[in-house]
Amino acid sequence: MTSREKILEAASEILRKSGPGALSVRAISKSAGMSTIGIYNHFDGKRGVIDELAKEAFDLVHQAIVHASRIEDARAAVLKAVQNYLAVARDHEAHYRLVFGEAVPGYAMGPKARVAARRAFNRLVELVDAASISNEYLSDARANAIHLWTIIHGYISLKHHAVPMILNEADWENQIIQIIAHQINHN
């Protein structure tokens, strides 16, 4: 594992275990087993590490959607994209929470992460457009992609914050898939 990878892994673990408030150059360097200078050399500090993790998060989302778009039936591809997206949220929780959850104090997404975010979202729009998903309120693919993404994020947020009170945790992914299937099949 390279020093750069060790830094990113350490930062991701800190985010997952302790949240964004615990992320500092010192904490990352201690967890990675290297000096703080190493963090600055590889990433120009904490902001650079966070930017790279955010970019990685959006790249994972993009890959999940691209993988699903190989399915010929466009509506089935949308459902597969949702399943893949949920897997990203589950398997890369720190990355997911970094970009869609609790904000890192004082952090604004850098240019590389913003480009990766647009690329992931635009791929979702293309998939939704190919599936001709619309409803009586939203007629364009972008609006419908936002609508689907909102549903997904709402459920993931519930899982992270309120599942024991609201949802059967074992069934939460299935509930999201059922809602999305209803949305794409009833228009």
Protein backbone atom coordinates (compact mmCIF):
# COMPACT_ATOMS: atom_id res chain seq x y z
CA MET A 1 0.00 0.00 0.00
CA THR A 2 1.38 3.41 -0.94
CA SER A 3 1.68 6.28 1.53
CA ARG A 4 -1.12 8.05 -0.33
CA GLU A 5 -3.40 5.01 0.05
CA LYS A 6 -2.51 4.71 3.76
CA ILE A 7 -3.48 8.34 4.29
CA LEU A 8 -6.82 7.92 2.53
CA GLU A 9 -7.58 4.70 4.37
CA ALA A 10 -6.72 6.29 7.72
CA ALA A 11 -8.90 9.34 7.00
CA SER A 12 -11.78 7.14 5.86
CA GLU A 13 -11.56 5.06 9.03
CA ILE A 14 -11.55 8.18 11.22
CA LEU A 15 -14.62 9.48 9.40
CA ARG A 16 -16.41 6.14 9.74
CA LYS A 17 -15.61 5.66 13.42
CA SER A 18 -15.62 9.19 14.81
CA GLY A 19 -17.20 11.50 12.24
CA PRO A 20 -15.91 14.60 10.49
CA GLY A 21 -15.21 16.54 13.68
CA ALA A 22 -12.42 14.08 14.54
CA LEU A 23 -10.65 14.51 11.22
CA SER A 24 -7.39 16.43 11.51
CA VAL A 25 -3.94 16.18 9.96
CA ARG A 26 -2.59 14.94 13.28
CA ALA A 27 -5.28 12.27 13.62
CA ILE A 28 -4.75 11.12 10.04
CA SER A 29 -0.97 11.01 10.37
CA LYS A 30 -1.18 9.09 13.65
CA SER A 31 -3.63 6.57 12.20
CA ALA A 32 -1.57 6.19 9.00
CA GLY A 33 1.67 5.84 10.95
CA MET A 34 3.43 8.74 9.27
CA SER A 35 4.40 12.32 9.93
CA THR A 36 2.09 15.27 9.36
CA ILE A 37 4.55 16.46 6.70
CA GLY A 38 3.62 13.36 4.69
CA ILE A 39 -0.02 14.47 4.64
CA TYR A 40 0.99 17.89 3.37
CA ASN A 41 3.36 16.42 0.78
CA HIS A 42 0.75 14.06 -0.67
CA PHE A 43 -2.43 16.12 -0.29
CA ASP A 44 -1.55 19.64 0.78
CA GLY A 45 -3.26 19.03 4.12
CA LYS A 46 -6.65 17.99 5.42
CA ARG A 47 -8.62 19.73 2.69
CA GLY A 48 -6.73 17.79 0.01
CA VAL A 49 -7.43 14.50 1.77
CA ILE A 50 -11.12 15.33 2.06
CA ASP A 51 -11.27 16.38 -1.60
CA GLU A 52 -9.73 13.08 -2.67
CA LEU A 53 -12.16 11.08 -0.52
CA ALA A 54 -15.09 13.08 -1.94
CA LYS A 55 -13.85 12.47 -5.48
CA GLU A 56 -13.50 8.76 -4.70
CA ALA A 57 -17.06 8.70 -3.34
CA PHE A 58 -18.50 10.20 -6.51
CA ASP A 59 -16.34 7.92 -8.65
CA LEU A 60 -17.79 4.92 -6.79
CA VAL A 61 -21.33 6.19 -7.43
CA HIS A 62 -20.49 6.77 -11.09
CA GLN A 63 -19.07 3.24 -11.43
CA ALA A 64 -22.18 1.78 -9.79
CA ILE A 65 -24.42 3.53 -12.29
CA VAL A 66 -22.22 2.71 -15.30
CA HIS A 67 -22.13 -0.95 -14.32
CA ALA A 68 -25.94 -1.02 -14.19
CA SER A 69 -26.34 0.73 -17.53
CA ARG A 70 -24.96 -2.35 -19.29
CA ILE A 71 -28.37 -3.99 -18.76
CA GLU A 72 -30.43 -3.72 -21.95
CA ASP A 73 -33.80 -3.11 -20.32
CA ALA A 74 -33.50 0.54 -19.26
CA ARG A 75 -35.93 0.29 -16.34
CA ALA A 76 -34.19 -2.82 -15.02
CA ALA A 77 -30.93 -0.89 -15.38
CA VAL A 78 -32.31 1.89 -13.17
CA LEU A 79 -33.25 -0.63 -10.48
CA LYS A 80 -29.81 -2.24 -10.74
CA ALA A 81 -28.21 1.22 -10.45
CA VAL A 82 -30.20 1.78 -7.25
CA GLN A 83 -29.04 -1.57 -5.87
CA ASN A 84 -25.43 -0.79 -6.80
CA TYR A 85 -25.76 2.68 -5.27
CA LEU A 86 -27.05 1.17 -2.02
CA ALA A 87 -24.06 -1.17 -2.02
CA VAL A 88 -21.74 1.84 -2.31
CA ALA A 89 -23.50 3.51 0.64
CA ARG A 90 -23.20 0.30 2.67
CA ASP A 91 -19.70 -0.82 1.67
CA HIS A 92 -18.11 2.64 1.65
CA GLU A 93 -20.03 4.27 4.48
CA ALA A 94 -17.34 6.81 5.36
CA HIS A 95 -17.13 8.01 1.76
CA TYR A 96 -20.90 8.16 1.49
CA ARG A 97 -21.33 10.08 4.71
CA LEU A 98 -18.58 12.50 3.72
CA VAL A 99 -20.42 13.70 0.62
CA PHE A 100 -24.05 13.04 1.53
CA GLY A 101 -24.14 13.11 5.30
CA GLU A 102 -22.65 15.14 8.08
CA ALA A 103 -20.56 18.00 6.72
CA VAL A 104 -16.93 18.53 7.59
CA PRO A 105 -16.74 21.92 9.34
CA GLY A 106 -15.28 24.59 7.06
CA TYR A 107 -15.01 22.28 4.03
CA ALA A 108 -16.28 23.20 0.58
CA MET A 109 -15.92 20.65 -2.19
CA GLY A 110 -12.94 21.23 -4.48
CA PRO A 111 -12.99 21.27 -8.30
CA LYS A 112 -12.06 17.60 -8.85
CA ALA A 113 -14.78 16.40 -6.49
CA ARG A 114 -17.35 18.72 -8.12
CA VAL A 115 -16.47 17.37 -11.57
CA ALA A 116 -16.80 13.79 -10.28
CA ALA A 117 -20.17 14.67 -8.68
CA ARG A 118 -21.51 16.13 -11.93
CA ARG A 119 -20.27 13.15 -13.90
CA ALA A 120 -22.03 10.69 -11.56
CA PHE A 121 -25.28 12.65 -11.53
CA ASN A 122 -25.25 13.18 -15.30
CA ARG A 123 -24.84 9.43 -15.78
CA LEU A 124 -27.91 8.88 -13.60
CA VAL A 125 -29.84 11.44 -15.68
CA GLU A 126 -28.87 9.57 -18.86
CA LEU A 127 -30.06 6.29 -17.36
CA VAL A 128 -33.36 7.81 -16.22
CA ASP A 129 -33.81 9.40 -19.64
CA ALA A 130 -33.17 6.08 -21.41
CA ALA A 131 -35.82 4.48 -19.21
CA SER A 132 -38.31 7.24 -20.12
CA ILE A 133 -39.14 7.72 -16.46
CA SER A 134 -41.53 10.55 -15.82
CA ASN A 135 -44.50 11.32 -13.65
CA GLU A 136 -47.34 13.78 -13.65
CA TYR A 137 -45.26 16.41 -11.82
CA LEU A 138 -41.81 15.93 -13.29
CA SER A 139 -41.40 15.72 -17.03
CA ASP A 140 -37.67 15.93 -17.66
CA ALA A 141 -35.01 13.34 -16.93
CA ARG A 142 -32.97 15.65 -14.70
CA ALA A 143 -35.91 16.39 -12.42
CA ASN A 144 -36.79 12.70 -12.26
CA ALA A 145 -33.19 11.74 -11.50
CA ILE A 146 -33.21 14.24 -8.62
CA HIS A 147 -36.50 12.76 -7.43
CA LEU A 148 -35.11 9.21 -7.43
CA TRP A 149 -31.85 10.32 -5.81
CA THR A 150 -33.83 12.10 -3.09
CA ILE A 151 -35.78 8.94 -2.32
CA ILE A 152 -32.60 6.89 -2.11
CA HIS A 153 -30.83 9.41 0.12
CA GLY A 154 -33.85 9.76 2.36
CA TYR A 155 -33.93 6.06 3.05
CA ILE A 156 -30.16 5.86 3.54
CA SER A 157 -30.36 8.76 5.98
CA LEU A 158 -33.10 6.93 7.88
CA LYS A 159 -30.90 3.86 8.02
CA HIS A 160 -27.98 5.87 9.38
CA HIS A 161 -29.99 7.81 11.92
CA ALA A 162 -33.37 6.33 12.73
CA VAL A 163 -33.71 2.72 11.57
CA PRO A 164 -34.33 1.17 14.97
CA MET A 165 -37.27 3.50 15.51
CA ILE A 166 -38.80 3.48 12.02
CA LEU A 167 -37.63 0.70 9.72
CA ASN A 168 -36.92 -2.97 10.00
CA GLU A 169 -33.19 -2.72 9.38
CA ALA A 170 -33.01 -6.10 7.66
CA ASP A 171 -35.53 -4.95 5.07
CA TRP A 172 -34.55 -1.33 4.43
CA GLU A 173 -32.85 -1.92 1.07
CA ASN A 174 -35.80 -3.92 -0.19
CA GLN A 175 -38.13 -1.08 0.79
CA ILE A 176 -36.09 1.40 -1.26
CA ILE A 177 -36.09 -0.92 -4.27
CA GLN A 178 -39.89 -1.34 -4.00
CA ILE A 179 -40.43 2.44 -3.88
CA ILE A 180 -38.17 3.03 -6.88
CA ALA A 181 -39.78 0.16 -8.82
CA HIS A 182 -43.17 1.73 -8.15
CA GLN A 183 -41.89 5.11 -9.33
CA ILE A 184 -40.45 3.82 -12.59
CA ASN A 185 -43.26 1.42 -13.44
CA HIS A 186 -46.20 3.75 -12.80
CA ASN A 187 -45.85 6.58 -15.27
